[in-house]
All heavy atoms as atom14 arrays in JSON, in Angstrom:
{
  "sequence": "ERYQATAKKYTPFFEIFKNVRGKIVTGDTSISSSFCMP",
  "atom14_mask": [
    [1, 1, 1, 1, 1, 1, 1, 1, 1, 0, 0, 0, 0, 0],
    [1, 1, 1, 1, 1, 1, 1, 1, 1, 1, 1, 0, 0, 0],
    [1, 1, 1, 1, 1, 1, 1, 1, 1, 1, 1, 1, 0, 0],
    [1, 1, 1, 1, 1, 1, 1, 1, 1, 0, 0, 0, 0, 0],
    [1, 1, 1, 1, 1, 0, 0, 0, 0, 0, 0, 0, 0, 0],
    [1, 1, 1, 1, 1, 1, 1, 0, 0, 0, 0, 0, 0, 0],
    [1, 1, 1, 1, 1, 0, 0, 0, 0, 0, 0, 0, 0, 0],
    [1, 1, 1, 1, 1, 1, 1, 1, 1, 0, 0, 0, 0, 0],
    [1, 1, 1, 1, 1, 1, 1, 1, 1, 0, 0, 0, 0, 0],
    [1, 1, 1, 1, 1, 1, 1, 1, 1, 1, 1, 1, 0, 0],
    [1, 1, 1, 1, 1, 1, 1, 0, 0, 0, 0, 0, 0, 0],
    [1, 1, 1, 1, 1, 1, 1, 0, 0, 0, 0, 0, 0, 0],
    [1, 1, 1, 1, 1, 1, 1, 1, 1, 1, 1, 0, 0, 0],
    [1, 1, 1, 1, 1, 1, 1, 1, 1, 1, 1, 0, 0, 0],
    [1, 1, 1, 1, 1, 1, 1, 1, 1, 0, 0, 0, 0, 0],
    [1, 1, 1, 1, 1, 1, 1, 1, 0, 0, 0, 0, 0, 0],
    [1, 1, 1, 1, 1, 1, 1, 1, 1, 1, 1, 0, 0, 0],
    [1, 1, 1, 1, 1, 1, 1, 1, 1, 0, 0, 0, 0, 0],
    [1, 1, 1, 1, 1, 1, 1, 1, 0, 0, 0, 0, 0, 0],
    [1, 1, 1, 1, 1, 1, 1, 0, 0, 0, 0, 0, 0, 0],
    [1, 1, 1, 1, 1, 1, 1, 1, 1, 1, 1, 0, 0, 0],
    [1, 1, 1, 1, 0, 0, 0, 0, 0, 0, 0, 0, 0, 0],
    [1, 1, 1, 1, 1, 1, 1, 1, 1, 0, 0, 0, 0, 0],
    [1, 1, 1, 1, 1, 1, 1, 1, 0, 0, 0, 0, 0, 0],
    [1, 1, 1, 1, 1, 1, 1, 0, 0, 0, 0, 0, 0, 0],
    [1, 1, 1, 1, 1, 1, 1, 0, 0, 0, 0, 0, 0, 0],
    [1, 1, 1, 1, 0, 0, 0, 0, 0, 0, 0, 0, 0, 0],
    [1, 1, 1, 1, 1, 1, 1, 1, 0, 0, 0, 0, 0, 0],
    [1, 1, 1, 1, 1, 1, 1, 0, 0, 0, 0, 0, 0, 0],
    [1, 1, 1, 1, 1, 1, 0, 0, 0, 0, 0, 0, 0, 0],
    [1, 1, 1, 1, 1, 1, 1, 1, 0, 0, 0, 0, 0, 0],
    [1, 1, 1, 1, 1, 1, 0, 0, 0, 0, 0, 0, 0, 0],
    [1, 1, 1, 1, 1, 1, 0, 0, 0, 0, 0, 0, 0, 0],
    [1, 1, 1, 1, 1, 1, 0, 0, 0, 0, 0, 0, 0, 0],
    [1, 1, 1, 1, 1, 1, 1, 1, 1, 1, 1, 0, 0, 0],
    [1, 1, 1, 1, 1, 1, 0, 0, 0, 0, 0, 0, 0, 0],
    [1, 1, 1, 1, 1, 1, 1, 1, 0, 0, 0, 0, 0, 0],
    [1, 1, 1, 1, 1, 1, 1, 0, 0, 0, 0, 0, 0, 0]
  ],
  "atom14_positions": [
    [[0.81, -1.23, 0.05], [-0.04, 0.01, -0.01], [0.83, 1.24, -0.05], [0.49, 2.24, -0.64], [-0.96, 0.01, 1.2], [-1.94, 1.08, 1.23], [-2.9, 1.08, 2.38], [-2.88, -0.01, 3.04], [-3.7, 1.95, 2.57], [0.0, 0.0, 0.0], [0.0, 0.0, 0.0], [0.0, 0.0, 0.0], [0.0, 0.0, 0.0], [0.0, 0.0, 0.0]],
    [[2.03, 1.23, 0.69], [2.86, 2.44, 0.78], [3.48, 2.79, -0.53], [3.91, 3.92, -0.7], [3.94, 2.23, 1.84], [4.94, 1.15, 1.49], [5.93, 1.01, 2.56], [6.95, -0.01, 2.28], [6.88, -1.34, 2.5], [5.67, -1.82, 2.91], [7.9, -2.18, 2.2], [0.0, 0.0, 0.0], [0.0, 0.0, 0.0], [0.0, 0.0, 0.0]],
    [[3.49, 1.89, -1.49], [3.99, 2.15, -2.92], [2.98, 2.54, -3.87], [3.3, 3.1, -4.93], [4.77, 0.92, -3.37], [5.96, 0.53, -2.66], [6.38, -0.8, -2.7], [6.67, 1.35, -1.88], [7.55, -1.26, -2.07], [7.86, 0.93, -1.16], [8.22, -0.42, -1.23], [9.38, -0.77, -0.61], [0.0, 0.0, 0.0], [0.0, 0.0, 0.0]],
    [[1.71, 2.23, -3.64], [0.64, 2.31, -4.62], [0.42, 3.72, -5.13], [0.24, 3.95, -6.35], [-0.6, 1.69, -4.15], [-0.56, 0.21, -4.03], [-1.88, -0.45, -3.64], [-2.92, 0.2, -3.86], [-1.9, -1.71, -3.16], [0.0, 0.0, 0.0], [0.0, 0.0, 0.0], [0.0, 0.0, 0.0], [0.0, 0.0, 0.0], [0.0, 0.0, 0.0]],
    [[0.41, 4.73, -4.28], [0.09, 6.09, -4.72], [1.17, 6.56, -5.66], [0.8, 7.14, -6.72], [0.06, 7.04, -3.5], [0.0, 0.0, 0.0], [0.0, 0.0, 0.0], [0.0, 0.0, 0.0], [0.0, 0.0, 0.0], [0.0, 0.0, 0.0], [0.0, 0.0, 0.0], [0.0, 0.0, 0.0], [0.0, 0.0, 0.0], [0.0, 0.0, 0.0]],
    [[2.44, 6.31, -5.36], [3.56, 6.73, -6.3], [3.38, 5.94, -7.55], [3.51, 6.6, -8.7], [4.93, 6.59, -5.63], [4.95, 7.34, -4.49], [5.95, 6.99, -6.59], [0.0, 0.0, 0.0], [0.0, 0.0, 0.0], [0.0, 0.0, 0.0], [0.0, 0.0, 0.0], [0.0, 0.0, 0.0], [0.0, 0.0, 0.0], [0.0, 0.0, 0.0]],
    [[3.23, 4.69, -7.47], [3.1, 3.84, -8.65], [1.94, 4.32, -9.61], [2.08, 4.4, -10.81], [3.01, 2.43, -8.33], [0.0, 0.0, 0.0], [0.0, 0.0, 0.0], [0.0, 0.0, 0.0], [0.0, 0.0, 0.0], [0.0, 0.0, 0.0], [0.0, 0.0, 0.0], [0.0, 0.0, 0.0], [0.0, 0.0, 0.0], [0.0, 0.0, 0.0]],
    [[0.86, 4.62, -9.07], [-0.33, 5.09, -9.8], [0.01, 6.37, -10.5], [-0.51, 6.69, -11.61], [-1.57, 5.19, -8.92], [-2.11, 3.83, -8.56], [-3.35, 3.98, -7.57], [-3.9, 2.57, -7.24], [-4.94, 2.7, -6.25], [0.0, 0.0, 0.0], [0.0, 0.0, 0.0], [0.0, 0.0, 0.0], [0.0, 0.0, 0.0], [0.0, 0.0, 0.0]],
    [[0.82, 7.24, -9.85], [1.2, 8.49, -10.42], [2.07, 8.25, -11.7], [2.05, 9.09, -12.64], [2.04, 9.26, -9.41], [2.46, 10.63, -9.81], [3.05, 11.42, -8.63], [4.34, 10.81, -8.15], [5.01, 11.59, -7.09], [0.0, 0.0, 0.0], [0.0, 0.0, 0.0], [0.0, 0.0, 0.0], [0.0, 0.0, 0.0], [0.0, 0.0, 0.0]],
    [[2.88, 7.09, -11.69], [3.74, 6.78, -12.82], [3.02, 6.17, -14.02], [3.58, 5.95, -15.11], [4.83, 5.93, -12.42], [5.84, 6.58, -11.45], [6.58, 5.76, -10.68], [6.02, 7.98, -11.41], [7.51, 6.38, -9.78], [6.94, 8.52, -10.47], [7.69, 7.69, -9.72], [8.59, 8.25, -8.83], [0.0, 0.0, 0.0], [0.0, 0.0, 0.0]],
    [[1.8, 5.62, -13.8], [1.19, 4.73, -14.83], [0.94, 5.47, -16.15], [1.09, 4.78, -17.2], [-0.19, 4.23, -14.27], [-1.01, 5.24, -13.81], [0.09, 3.18, -13.21], [0.0, 0.0, 0.0], [0.0, 0.0, 0.0], [0.0, 0.0, 0.0], [0.0, 0.0, 0.0], [0.0, 0.0, 0.0], [0.0, 0.0, 0.0], [0.0, 0.0, 0.0]],
    [[0.57, 6.74, -16.25], [0.42, 7.38, -17.55], [1.76, 7.3, -18.37], [1.66, 7.01, -19.6], [0.05, 8.79, -17.27], [-0.62, 8.74, -15.97], [0.12, 7.74, -15.19], [0.0, 0.0, 0.0], [0.0, 0.0, 0.0], [0.0, 0.0, 0.0], [0.0, 0.0, 0.0], [0.0, 0.0, 0.0], [0.0, 0.0, 0.0], [0.0, 0.0, 0.0]],
    [[2.9, 7.5, -17.77], [4.11, 7.4, -18.4], [4.33, 5.91, -18.94], [4.66, 5.76, -20.07], [5.3, 7.83, -17.46], [6.71, 7.45, -18.09], [7.21, 8.37, -18.99], [7.32, 6.34, -17.75], [8.47, 8.04, -19.54], [8.57, 6.01, -18.24], [9.15, 6.81, -19.15], [0.0, 0.0, 0.0], [0.0, 0.0, 0.0], [0.0, 0.0, 0.0]],
    [[4.11, 4.93, -18.07], [4.42, 3.58, -18.39], [3.39, 3.02, -19.42], [3.78, 2.07, -20.15], [4.62, 2.69, -17.24], [5.9, 2.84, -16.5], [6.03, 3.61, -15.37], [7.01, 2.17, -17.04], [7.25, 3.68, -14.73], [8.23, 2.34, -16.42], [8.41, 3.11, -15.3], [0.0, 0.0, 0.0], [0.0, 0.0, 0.0], [0.0, 0.0, 0.0]],
    [[2.22, 3.64, -19.5], [1.32, 3.15, -20.49], [1.82, 3.44, -21.96], [1.61, 2.66, -22.83], [-0.02, 3.79, -20.34], [-0.92, 3.31, -19.16], [-1.45, 1.93, -19.5], [-1.37, 1.46, -20.6], [-1.96, 1.35, -18.44], [0.0, 0.0, 0.0], [0.0, 0.0, 0.0], [0.0, 0.0, 0.0], [0.0, 0.0, 0.0], [0.0, 0.0, 0.0]],
    [[2.57, 4.53, -22.02], [3.17, 4.9, -23.34], [4.57, 4.24, -23.45], [4.84, 3.66, -24.49], [3.3, 6.43, -23.42], [2.05, 7.1, -23.2], [3.97, 6.8, -24.83], [0.96, 6.73, -24.24], [0.0, 0.0, 0.0], [0.0, 0.0, 0.0], [0.0, 0.0, 0.0], [0.0, 0.0, 0.0], [0.0, 0.0, 0.0], [0.0, 0.0, 0.0]],
    [[5.3, 4.21, -22.37], [6.69, 3.71, -22.46], [6.73, 2.25, -22.79], [7.62, 1.85, -23.47], [7.39, 3.96, -21.2], [8.91, 3.57, -21.15], [9.81, 4.28, -21.85], [9.19, 2.45, -20.5], [11.2, 3.85, -21.76], [10.64, 1.92, -20.44], [11.52, 2.74, -21.22], [0.0, 0.0, 0.0], [0.0, 0.0, 0.0], [0.0, 0.0, 0.0]],
    [[5.82, 1.46, -22.39], [5.88, 0.0, -22.59], [5.89, -0.23, -24.13], [6.37, -1.33, -24.47], [4.69, -0.72, -21.93], [3.38, -0.34, -22.43], [2.25, -1.13, -21.72], [0.83, -0.73, -22.29], [-0.27, -1.39, -21.52], [0.0, 0.0, 0.0], [0.0, 0.0, 0.0], [0.0, 0.0, 0.0], [0.0, 0.0, 0.0], [0.0, 0.0, 0.0]],
    [[5.41, 0.63, -24.96], [5.3, 0.42, -26.38], [6.48, 1.08, -27.1], [6.62, 0.91, -28.35], [4.01, 0.87, -26.91], [2.83, 0.03, -26.37], [2.87, -1.13, -26.26], [1.76, 0.8, -26.0], [0.0, 0.0, 0.0], [0.0, 0.0, 0.0], [0.0, 0.0, 0.0], [0.0, 0.0, 0.0], [0.0, 0.0, 0.0], [0.0, 0.0, 0.0]],
    [[7.23, 1.87, -26.37], [8.36, 2.64, -27.0], [9.75, 2.15, -26.54], [10.71, 2.26, -27.18], [8.25, 4.17, -26.64], [9.42, 4.99, -27.27], [6.9, 4.67, -27.16], [0.0, 0.0, 0.0], [0.0, 0.0, 0.0], [0.0, 0.0, 0.0], [0.0, 0.0, 0.0], [0.0, 0.0, 0.0], [0.0, 0.0, 0.0], [0.0, 0.0, 0.0]],
    [[9.74, 1.47, -25.4], [10.85, 1.01, -24.73], [11.89, 0.41, -25.66], [11.66, -0.08, -26.7], [10.52, -0.02, -23.62], [9.79, -1.17, -24.16], [9.88, -2.46, -23.27], [11.27, -2.94, -23.31], [11.76, -3.73, -22.39], [11.05, -4.19, -21.41], [13.08, -4.18, -22.6], [0.0, 0.0, 0.0], [0.0, 0.0, 0.0], [0.0, 0.0, 0.0]],
    [[13.2, 0.49, -25.12], [14.27, -0.12, -25.91], [14.41, -1.61, -25.76], [13.63, -2.21, -25.02], [0.0, 0.0, 0.0], [0.0, 0.0, 0.0], [0.0, 0.0, 0.0], [0.0, 0.0, 0.0], [0.0, 0.0, 0.0], [0.0, 0.0, 0.0], [0.0, 0.0, 0.0], [0.0, 0.0, 0.0], [0.0, 0.0, 0.0], [0.0, 0.0, 0.0]],
    [[15.36, -2.22, -26.36], [15.56, -3.62, -26.3], [16.0, -4.08, -24.81], [15.72, -5.16, -24.37], [16.67, -4.03, -27.23], [16.3, -3.97, -28.69], [17.38, -4.44, -29.65], [16.92, -4.35, -31.09], [17.99, -4.77, -31.96], [0.0, 0.0, 0.0], [0.0, 0.0, 0.0], [0.0, 0.0, 0.0], [0.0, 0.0, 0.0], [0.0, 0.0, 0.0]],
    [[16.71, -3.2, -24.16], [17.08, -3.39, -22.72], [16.73, -2.05, -22.04], [17.14, -0.98, -22.42], [18.55, -3.67, -22.55], [18.91, -5.04, -23.19], [18.95, -3.7, -21.09], [18.26, -6.26, -22.41], [0.0, 0.0, 0.0], [0.0, 0.0, 0.0], [0.0, 0.0, 0.0], [0.0, 0.0, 0.0], [0.0, 0.0, 0.0], [0.0, 0.0, 0.0]],
    [[15.96, -2.21, -20.84], [15.64, -1.14, -20.03], [16.27, -1.5, -18.62], [15.97, -2.52, -18.14], [14.14, -0.85, -19.98], [13.86, 0.39, -19.0], [13.62, -0.57, -21.37], [0.0, 0.0, 0.0], [0.0, 0.0, 0.0], [0.0, 0.0, 0.0], [0.0, 0.0, 0.0], [0.0, 0.0, 0.0], [0.0, 0.0, 0.0], [0.0, 0.0, 0.0]],
    [[16.96, -0.58, -18.07], [17.53, -0.75, -16.76], [16.82, 0.22, -15.71], [16.29, 1.25, -16.1], [19.03, -0.47, -16.7], [19.29, 0.83, -17.04], [19.7, -1.38, -17.76], [0.0, 0.0, 0.0], [0.0, 0.0, 0.0], [0.0, 0.0, 0.0], [0.0, 0.0, 0.0], [0.0, 0.0, 0.0], [0.0, 0.0, 0.0], [0.0, 0.0, 0.0]],
    [[16.9, -0.12, -14.46], [16.32, 0.73, -13.49], [17.13, 0.68, -12.13], [18.1, -0.02, -12.01], [0.0, 0.0, 0.0], [0.0, 0.0, 0.0], [0.0, 0.0, 0.0], [0.0, 0.0, 0.0], [0.0, 0.0, 0.0], [0.0, 0.0, 0.0], [0.0, 0.0, 0.0], [0.0, 0.0, 0.0], [0.0, 0.0, 0.0], [0.0, 0.0, 0.0]],
    [[16.6, 1.41, -11.16], [17.11, 1.41, -9.76], [16.16, 0.57, -8.91], [14.95, 0.42, -9.28], [17.16, 2.89, -9.23], [18.04, 3.74, -10.05], [18.85, 3.2, -10.82], [18.0, 5.03, -9.81], [0.0, 0.0, 0.0], [0.0, 0.0, 0.0], [0.0, 0.0, 0.0], [0.0, 0.0, 0.0], [0.0, 0.0, 0.0], [0.0, 0.0, 0.0]],
    [[16.6, 0.21, -7.75], [15.68, -0.4, -6.79], [14.86, 0.6, -6.2], [15.23, 1.26, -5.17], [16.58, -1.22, -5.68], [17.33, -2.22, -6.34], [15.58, -1.86, -4.76], [0.0, 0.0, 0.0], [0.0, 0.0, 0.0], [0.0, 0.0, 0.0], [0.0, 0.0, 0.0], [0.0, 0.0, 0.0], [0.0, 0.0, 0.0], [0.0, 0.0, 0.0]],
    [[13.75, 0.96, -6.84], [12.85, 1.97, -6.41], [11.45, 1.67, -6.84], [11.23, 0.61, -7.51], [13.34, 3.31, -6.9], [13.32, 3.29, -8.33], [0.0, 0.0, 0.0], [0.0, 0.0, 0.0], [0.0, 0.0, 0.0], [0.0, 0.0, 0.0], [0.0, 0.0, 0.0], [0.0, 0.0, 0.0], [0.0, 0.0, 0.0], [0.0, 0.0, 0.0]],
    [[10.55, 2.54, -6.61], [9.18, 2.25, -6.92], [8.93, 2.15, -8.41], [8.12, 1.37, -8.93], [8.19, 3.39, -6.37], [8.31, 3.28, -4.72], [6.75, 3.1, -6.76], [7.63, 4.42, -4.06], [0.0, 0.0, 0.0], [0.0, 0.0, 0.0], [0.0, 0.0, 0.0], [0.0, 0.0, 0.0], [0.0, 0.0, 0.0], [0.0, 0.0, 0.0]],
    [[9.6, 3.03, -9.17], [9.47, 2.99, -10.63], [9.8, 1.68, -11.26], [9.25, 1.23, -12.21], [10.25, 4.07, -11.27], [11.66, 3.89, -11.1], [0.0, 0.0, 0.0], [0.0, 0.0, 0.0], [0.0, 0.0, 0.0], [0.0, 0.0, 0.0], [0.0, 0.0, 0.0], [0.0, 0.0, 0.0], [0.0, 0.0, 0.0], [0.0, 0.0, 0.0]],
    [[10.8, 0.9, -10.6], [11.22, -0.38, -11.17], [10.17, -1.47, -10.91], [10.33, -2.59, -11.36], [12.54, -0.73, -10.58], [13.61, 0.07, -11.1], [0.0, 0.0, 0.0], [0.0, 0.0, 0.0], [0.0, 0.0, 0.0], [0.0, 0.0, 0.0], [0.0, 0.0, 0.0], [0.0, 0.0, 0.0], [0.0, 0.0, 0.0], [0.0, 0.0, 0.0]],
    [[9.1, -1.2, -10.16], [8.04, -2.16, -10.03], [7.35, -2.31, -11.31], [6.71, -3.33, -11.49], [7.01, -1.58, -8.97], [7.52, -1.39, -7.66], [0.0, 0.0, 0.0], [0.0, 0.0, 0.0], [0.0, 0.0, 0.0], [0.0, 0.0, 0.0], [0.0, 0.0, 0.0], [0.0, 0.0, 0.0], [0.0, 0.0, 0.0], [0.0, 0.0, 0.0]],
    [[7.53, -1.45, -12.23], [6.96, -1.64, -13.59], [7.7, -2.64, -14.43], [7.4, -2.78, -15.68], [6.88, -0.33, -14.29], [5.79, 0.64, -13.7], [5.96, 1.35, -12.57], [4.49, 0.58, -14.24], [4.96, 2.09, -11.98], [3.49, 1.37, -13.69], [3.74, 2.17, -12.57], [0.0, 0.0, 0.0], [0.0, 0.0, 0.0], [0.0, 0.0, 0.0]],
    [[8.62, -3.37, -13.78], [9.19, -4.53, -14.49], [8.17, -5.69, -14.46], [8.24, -6.63, -15.27], [10.41, -5.02, -13.75], [10.15, -5.71, -12.09], [0.0, 0.0, 0.0], [0.0, 0.0, 0.0], [0.0, 0.0, 0.0], [0.0, 0.0, 0.0], [0.0, 0.0, 0.0], [0.0, 0.0, 0.0], [0.0, 0.0, 0.0], [0.0, 0.0, 0.0]],
    [[7.11, -5.59, -13.69], [6.11, -6.63, -13.47], [5.0, -6.43, -14.42], [4.83, -5.36, -15.05], [5.59, -6.54, -12.07], [6.74, -6.68, -11.06], [6.1, -6.49, -9.26], [7.56, -5.96, -8.46], [0.0, 0.0, 0.0], [0.0, 0.0, 0.0], [0.0, 0.0, 0.0], [0.0, 0.0, 0.0], [0.0, 0.0, 0.0], [0.0, 0.0, 0.0]],
    [[4.08, -7.47, -14.59], [2.91, -7.26, -15.45], [2.0, -6.22, -14.88], [1.96, -5.99, -13.65], [2.29, -8.68, -15.34], [3.34, -9.56, -14.82], [4.16, -8.78, -13.96], [0.0, 0.0, 0.0], [0.0, 0.0, 0.0], [0.0, 0.0, 0.0], [0.0, 0.0, 0.0], [0.0, 0.0, 0.0], [0.0, 0.0, 0.0], [0.0, 0.0, 0.0]]
  ]
}
């Protein structure tokens, strides 16, 4: 629950990014990297 508000804030970006993303995408151990998941 403590991550959900921030993750929901990022969803508009990732809705677009998932179709533009490169062959390899790297991240940090942070809330944004939760978008490695389905």
